[in-house]
Amino acid sequence: MQDSDCSPALEEQMLTADRKLARCMRSHGVANFPDPANGGSGAPFFPISSAGISDAASRAPRFVRELSACRACRR
C-alpha cells in the first residue's frame, strides 16, 4: 500500500492499533518505546531511533520477542 492510499479513517485505525502496541511494549519493560508518529504522509511509524533505541537493540532477542507478543494482542 502506498502512503497516499491510506484514507484518514484507515490512518486513525492504524494509529489506534499502534498506540496499543506502544503501551504493550512499555508494559513489557521497553520503557522508552515511543507512541506512533504520523508524518502527515500516510501510514504511522514508530520513531524508535529518536527515542534512543538503536538498530541493534531493536534486533535483540528480548525486544523481538516482546514486539511479536504485543503485535499479536494489538488487534
C-alpha atoms as a PDB file:
ATOM      1  CA  MET A   1       0.000   0.000   0.000  1.00  0.00           C
ATOM      2  CA  GLN A   2       1.330   3.397  -0.913  1.00  0.00           C
ATOM      3  CA  ASP A   3       1.212   6.070   1.784  1.00  0.00           C
ATOM      4  CA  SER A   4      -1.177   8.109  -0.333  1.00  0.00           C
ATOM      5  CA  ASP A   5      -3.564   5.123  -0.466  1.00  0.00           C
ATOM      6  CA  CYS A   6      -4.392   5.461   3.241  1.00  0.00           C
ATOM      7  CA  SER A   7      -7.690   7.142   3.943  1.00  0.00           C
ATOM      8  CA  PRO A   8      -7.893   9.306   7.068  1.00  0.00           C
ATOM      9  CA  ALA A   9     -10.116   6.655   8.672  1.00  0.00           C
ATOM     10  CA  LEU A  10      -7.576   3.916   7.951  1.00  0.00           C
ATOM     11  CA  GLU A  11      -4.727   6.076   9.260  1.00  0.00           C
ATOM     12  CA  GLU A  12      -6.658   6.635  12.502  1.00  0.00           C
ATOM     13  CA  GLN A  13      -7.397   2.910  12.822  1.00  0.00           C
ATOM     14  CA  MET A  14      -3.703   2.141  12.341  1.00  0.00           C
ATOM     15  CA  LEU A  15      -2.694   4.806  14.889  1.00  0.00           C
ATOM     16  CA  THR A  16      -5.099   3.347  17.449  1.00  0.00           C
ATOM     17  CA  ALA A  17      -3.680  -0.159  16.990  1.00  0.00           C
ATOM     18  CA  ASP A  18      -0.114   1.150  17.088  1.00  0.00           C
ATOM     19  CA  ARG A  19      -0.771   3.126  20.289  1.00  0.00           C
ATOM     20  CA  LYS A  20      -1.943  -0.120  21.868  1.00  0.00           C
ATOM     21  CA  LEU A  21       1.270  -1.825  20.713  1.00  0.00           C
ATOM     22  CA  ALA A  22       3.372   1.000  22.205  1.00  0.00           C
ATOM     23  CA  ARG A  23       1.594   0.717  25.570  1.00  0.00           C
ATOM     24  CA  CYS A  24       2.135  -3.044  25.493  1.00  0.00           C
ATOM     25  CA  MET A  25       5.856  -2.654  24.775  1.00  0.00           C
ATOM     26  CA  ARG A  26       6.246  -0.199  27.642  1.00  0.00           C
ATOM     27  CA  SER A  27       4.356  -2.516  29.988  1.00  0.00           C
ATOM     28  CA  HIS A  28       6.741  -5.325  28.994  1.00  0.00           C
ATOM     29  CA  GLY A  29       9.814  -3.379  30.046  1.00  0.00           C
ATOM     30  CA  VAL A  30      10.736  -1.308  26.985  1.00  0.00           C
ATOM     31  CA  ALA A  31      10.199   1.897  28.934  1.00  0.00           C
ATOM     32  CA  ASN A  32      11.256   4.314  26.201  1.00  0.00           C
ATOM     33  CA  PHE A  33       9.218   2.718  23.383  1.00  0.00           C
ATOM     34  CA  PRO A  34       7.572   5.699  21.629  1.00  0.00           C
ATOM     35  CA  ASP A  35       3.999   6.247  20.593  1.00  0.00           C
ATOM     36  CA  PRO A  36       3.485   6.070  16.842  1.00  0.00           C
ATOM     37  CA  ALA A  37       4.025   9.160  14.742  1.00  0.00           C
ATOM     38  CA  ASN A  38       2.169  10.189  11.655  1.00  0.00           C
ATOM     39  CA  GLY A  39       4.423  12.156   9.374  1.00  0.00           C
ATOM     40  CA  GLY A  40       1.426  13.558   7.557  1.00  0.00           C
ATOM     41  CA  SER A  41       2.086  11.429   4.523  1.00  0.00           C
ATOM     42  CA  GLY A  42       0.216   8.245   5.330  1.00  0.00           C
ATOM     43  CA  ALA A  43       0.909   5.203   7.435  1.00  0.00           C
ATOM     44  CA  PRO A  44       2.054   5.733  11.027  1.00  0.00           C
ATOM     45  CA  PHE A  45       5.547   4.710  12.097  1.00  0.00           C
ATOM     46  CA  PHE A  46       7.485   4.297  15.350  1.00  0.00           C
ATOM     47  CA  PRO A  47      10.361   6.773  15.711  1.00  0.00           C
ATOM     48  CA  ILE A  48      12.414   4.359  17.821  1.00  0.00           C
ATOM     49  CA  SER A  49      15.807   5.830  16.958  1.00  0.00           C
ATOM     50  CA  SER A  50      14.755   9.254  18.243  1.00  0.00           C
ATOM     51  CA  ALA A  51      13.580   7.505  21.431  1.00  0.00           C
ATOM     52  CA  GLY A  52      17.100   6.170  21.969  1.00  0.00           C
ATOM     53  CA  ILE A  53      16.502   2.619  20.740  1.00  0.00           C
ATOM     54  CA  SER A  54      19.344   1.627  18.450  1.00  0.00           C
ATOM     55  CA  ASP A  55      19.003  -0.592  15.409  1.00  0.00           C
ATOM     56  CA  ALA A  56      20.985  -3.281  17.242  1.00  0.00           C
ATOM     57  CA  ALA A  57      18.700  -3.048  20.292  1.00  0.00           C
ATOM     58  CA  SER A  58      15.630  -3.417  18.064  1.00  0.00           C
ATOM     59  CA  ARG A  59      17.036  -6.740  16.827  1.00  0.00           C
ATOM     60  CA  ALA A  60      17.858  -8.133  20.268  1.00  0.00           C
ATOM     61  CA  PRO A  61      16.035 -11.409  21.056  1.00  0.00           C
ATOM     62  CA  ARG A  62      14.100  -9.966  24.012  1.00  0.00           C
ATOM     63  CA  PHE A  63      12.957  -6.917  22.028  1.00  0.00           C
ATOM     64  CA  VAL A  64      11.862  -9.067  19.075  1.00  0.00           C
ATOM     65  CA  ARG A  65      10.035 -11.473  21.408  1.00  0.00           C
ATOM     66  CA  GLU A  66       8.151  -8.637  23.153  1.00  0.00           C
ATOM     67  CA  LEU A  67       7.340  -6.976  19.844  1.00  0.00           C
ATOM     68  CA  SER A  68       5.905 -10.236  18.471  1.00  0.00           C
ATOM     69  CA  ALA A  69       3.793 -10.734  21.594  1.00  0.00           C
ATOM     70  CA  CYS A  70       2.497  -7.162  21.502  1.00  0.00           C
ATOM     71  CA  ARG A  71       1.721  -7.322  17.785  1.00  0.00           C
ATOM     72  CA  ALA A  72      -0.412 -10.390  18.434  1.00  0.00           C
ATOM     73  CA  CYS A  73      -2.529  -8.608  21.037  1.00  0.00           C
ATOM     74  CA  ARG A  74      -2.977  -5.219  19.354  1.00  0.00           C
ATOM     75  CA  ARG A  75      -5.722  -6.403  17.040  1.00  0.00           C
END
